[in-house]
Amino acid sequence: MMNDGPPDYDDDDAGVIEIPYKTLSADALEGIVQEFSSRDGTDYGEIECSLADKVTQVEGQLKSGHLILLFDPINQSCQIVNSREWKSKL
């Protein structure tokens, strides 16, 4: 039986979609990566890195597929997450 009602949003990941980073403009991607890289608690190991170094690392991990970009239409927010962890939840 088909459910014509609204989707169930009790699940935190309901409706979250993966956005290929290549589909974003350079400015949009740069803004998302910079915001992510500047968050408190982002762990880059024992060595302190400049924001520019963190951005370069995140961009490289997006290009290699180790990280993916997600969009949550409910919260209107973007997240960058480990691709293996995300795909294991699917």
C-alpha atoms as a PDB file:
ATOM      1  CA  MET A   1       0.000   0.000   0.000  1.00  0.00           C
ATOM      2  CA  MET A   2       1.338   3.430  -0.936  1.00  0.00           C
ATOM      3  CA  ASN A   3       1.710   6.097   1.715  1.00  0.00           C
ATOM      4  CA  ASP A   4       0.586   9.457   0.339  1.00  0.00           C
ATOM      5  CA  GLY A   5       1.259  11.267   3.614  1.00  0.00           C
ATOM      6  CA  PRO A   6       4.303  13.333   4.452  1.00  0.00           C
ATOM      7  CA  PRO A   7       7.585  11.545   5.095  1.00  0.00           C
ATOM      8  CA  ASP A   8       8.401  10.461   8.634  1.00  0.00           C
ATOM      9  CA  TYR A   9      10.923  12.970  10.008  1.00  0.00           C
ATOM     10  CA  ASP A  10      11.474  11.274  13.367  1.00  0.00           C
ATOM     11  CA  ASP A  11      14.730   9.899  11.967  1.00  0.00           C
ATOM     12  CA  ASP A  12      17.496  12.537  12.174  1.00  0.00           C
ATOM     13  CA  ASP A  13      18.742  11.574   8.720  1.00  0.00           C
ATOM     14  CA  ALA A  14      15.352  11.489   6.994  1.00  0.00           C
ATOM     15  CA  GLY A  15      15.358  13.574   3.854  1.00  0.00           C
ATOM     16  CA  VAL A  16      19.116  14.237   3.998  1.00  0.00           C
ATOM     17  CA  ILE A  17      20.622  14.072   0.527  1.00  0.00           C
ATOM     18  CA  GLU A  18      24.158  13.732  -0.746  1.00  0.00           C
ATOM     19  CA  ILE A  19      25.285  16.644  -2.911  1.00  0.00           C
ATOM     20  CA  PRO A  20      28.177  15.993  -5.301  1.00  0.00           C
ATOM     21  CA  TYR A  21      30.655  18.740  -4.455  1.00  0.00           C
ATOM     22  CA  LYS A  22      31.335  19.304  -8.178  1.00  0.00           C
ATOM     23  CA  THR A  23      27.766  20.556  -8.652  1.00  0.00           C
ATOM     24  CA  LEU A  24      28.364  23.580  -6.406  1.00  0.00           C
ATOM     25  CA  SER A  25      29.852  26.851  -7.538  1.00  0.00           C
ATOM     26  CA  ALA A  26      33.428  27.443  -6.404  1.00  0.00           C
ATOM     27  CA  ASP A  27      32.233  30.198  -4.045  1.00  0.00           C
ATOM     28  CA  ALA A  28      29.524  28.034  -2.470  1.00  0.00           C
ATOM     29  CA  LEU A  29      31.894  25.124  -1.940  1.00  0.00           C
ATOM     30  CA  GLU A  30      34.564  27.407  -0.505  1.00  0.00           C
ATOM     31  CA  GLY A  31      32.085  28.880   1.979  1.00  0.00           C
ATOM     32  CA  ILE A  32      30.865  25.472   3.142  1.00  0.00           C
ATOM     33  CA  VAL A  33      34.386  24.074   3.480  1.00  0.00           C
ATOM     34  CA  GLN A  34      35.648  27.162   5.328  1.00  0.00           C
ATOM     35  CA  GLU A  35      32.716  27.088   7.750  1.00  0.00           C
ATOM     36  CA  PHE A  36      33.247  23.368   8.396  1.00  0.00           C
ATOM     37  CA  SER A  37      37.013  23.775   8.801  1.00  0.00           C
ATOM     38  CA  SER A  38      36.657  26.616  11.292  1.00  0.00           C
ATOM     39  CA  ARG A  39      34.249  24.840  13.667  1.00  0.00           C
ATOM     40  CA  ASP A  40      35.358  24.361  17.243  1.00  0.00           C
ATOM     41  CA  GLY A  41      36.134  20.757  17.989  1.00  0.00           C
ATOM     42  CA  THR A  42      37.235  19.842  14.488  1.00  0.00           C
ATOM     43  CA  ASP A  43      40.160  17.529  15.179  1.00  0.00           C
ATOM     44  CA  TYR A  44      43.198  17.663  12.941  1.00  0.00           C
ATOM     45  CA  GLY A  45      45.521  15.767  15.275  1.00  0.00           C
ATOM     46  CA  GLU A  46      48.220  16.979  17.607  1.00  0.00           C
ATOM     47  CA  ILE A  47      49.642  19.497  15.150  1.00  0.00           C
ATOM     48  CA  GLU A  48      47.896  22.852  14.860  1.00  0.00           C
ATOM     49  CA  CYS A  49      46.934  23.754  11.289  1.00  0.00           C
ATOM     50  CA  SER A  50      46.056  27.117   9.815  1.00  0.00           C
ATOM     51  CA  LEU A  51      42.544  27.575   8.444  1.00  0.00           C
ATOM     52  CA  ALA A  52      43.993  27.534   4.925  1.00  0.00           C
ATOM     53  CA  ASP A  53      45.675  24.172   5.626  1.00  0.00           C
ATOM     54  CA  LYS A  54      42.441  22.762   7.070  1.00  0.00           C
ATOM     55  CA  VAL A  55      40.486  23.937   4.011  1.00  0.00           C
ATOM     56  CA  THR A  56      43.040  22.307   1.695  1.00  0.00           C
ATOM     57  CA  GLN A  57      42.814  19.033   3.649  1.00  0.00           C
ATOM     58  CA  VAL A  58      39.001  19.003   3.559  1.00  0.00           C
ATOM     59  CA  GLU A  59      38.919  19.837  -0.158  1.00  0.00           C
ATOM     60  CA  GLY A  60      41.358  16.988  -0.844  1.00  0.00           C
ATOM     61  CA  GLN A  61      39.237  14.555   1.146  1.00  0.00           C
ATOM     62  CA  LEU A  62      36.100  15.628  -0.735  1.00  0.00           C
ATOM     63  CA  LYS A  63      37.881  15.096  -4.066  1.00  0.00           C
ATOM     64  CA  SER A  64      39.177  11.675  -3.003  1.00  0.00           C
ATOM     65  CA  GLY A  65      35.736  10.583  -1.790  1.00  0.00           C
ATOM     66  CA  HIS A  66      36.745  10.168   1.874  1.00  0.00           C
ATOM     67  CA  LEU A  67      34.330  12.962   2.799  1.00  0.00           C
ATOM     68  CA  ILE A  68      30.940  13.783   1.297  1.00  0.00           C
ATOM     69  CA  LEU A  69      28.683  16.802   1.392  1.00  0.00           C
ATOM     70  CA  LEU A  70      25.152  16.365   2.736  1.00  0.00           C
ATOM     71  CA  PHE A  71      22.197  18.745   2.659  1.00  0.00           C
ATOM     72  CA  ASP A  72      19.402  18.580   5.204  1.00  0.00           C
ATOM     73  CA  PRO A  73      16.306  20.231   3.682  1.00  0.00           C
ATOM     74  CA  ILE A  74      14.483  20.232   7.030  1.00  0.00           C
ATOM     75  CA  ASN A  75      17.175  22.240   8.839  1.00  0.00           C
ATOM     76  CA  GLN A  76      18.381  23.963   5.658  1.00  0.00           C
ATOM     77  CA  SER A  77      21.965  23.060   6.542  1.00  0.00           C
ATOM     78  CA  CYS A  78      25.020  21.398   5.021  1.00  0.00           C
ATOM     79  CA  GLN A  79      27.305  18.892   6.665  1.00  0.00           C
ATOM     80  CA  ILE A  80      30.560  17.311   5.603  1.00  0.00           C
ATOM     81  CA  VAL A  81      30.852  13.737   6.853  1.00  0.00           C
ATOM     82  CA  ASN A  82      32.999  10.634   6.492  1.00  0.00           C
ATOM     83  CA  SER A  83      31.634   8.808   3.452  1.00  0.00           C
ATOM     84  CA  ARG A  84      32.102   5.297   4.878  1.00  0.00           C
ATOM     85  CA  GLU A  85      30.247   6.173   8.062  1.00  0.00           C
ATOM     86  CA  TRP A  86      27.398   7.776   6.133  1.00  0.00           C
ATOM     87  CA  LYS A  87      27.034   4.896   3.685  1.00  0.00           C
ATOM     88  CA  SER A  88      27.060   2.350   6.515  1.00  0.00           C
ATOM     89  CA  LYS A  89      23.956   4.084   7.931  1.00  0.00           C
ATOM     90  CA  LEU A  90      21.994   3.701   4.690  1.00  0.00           C
END
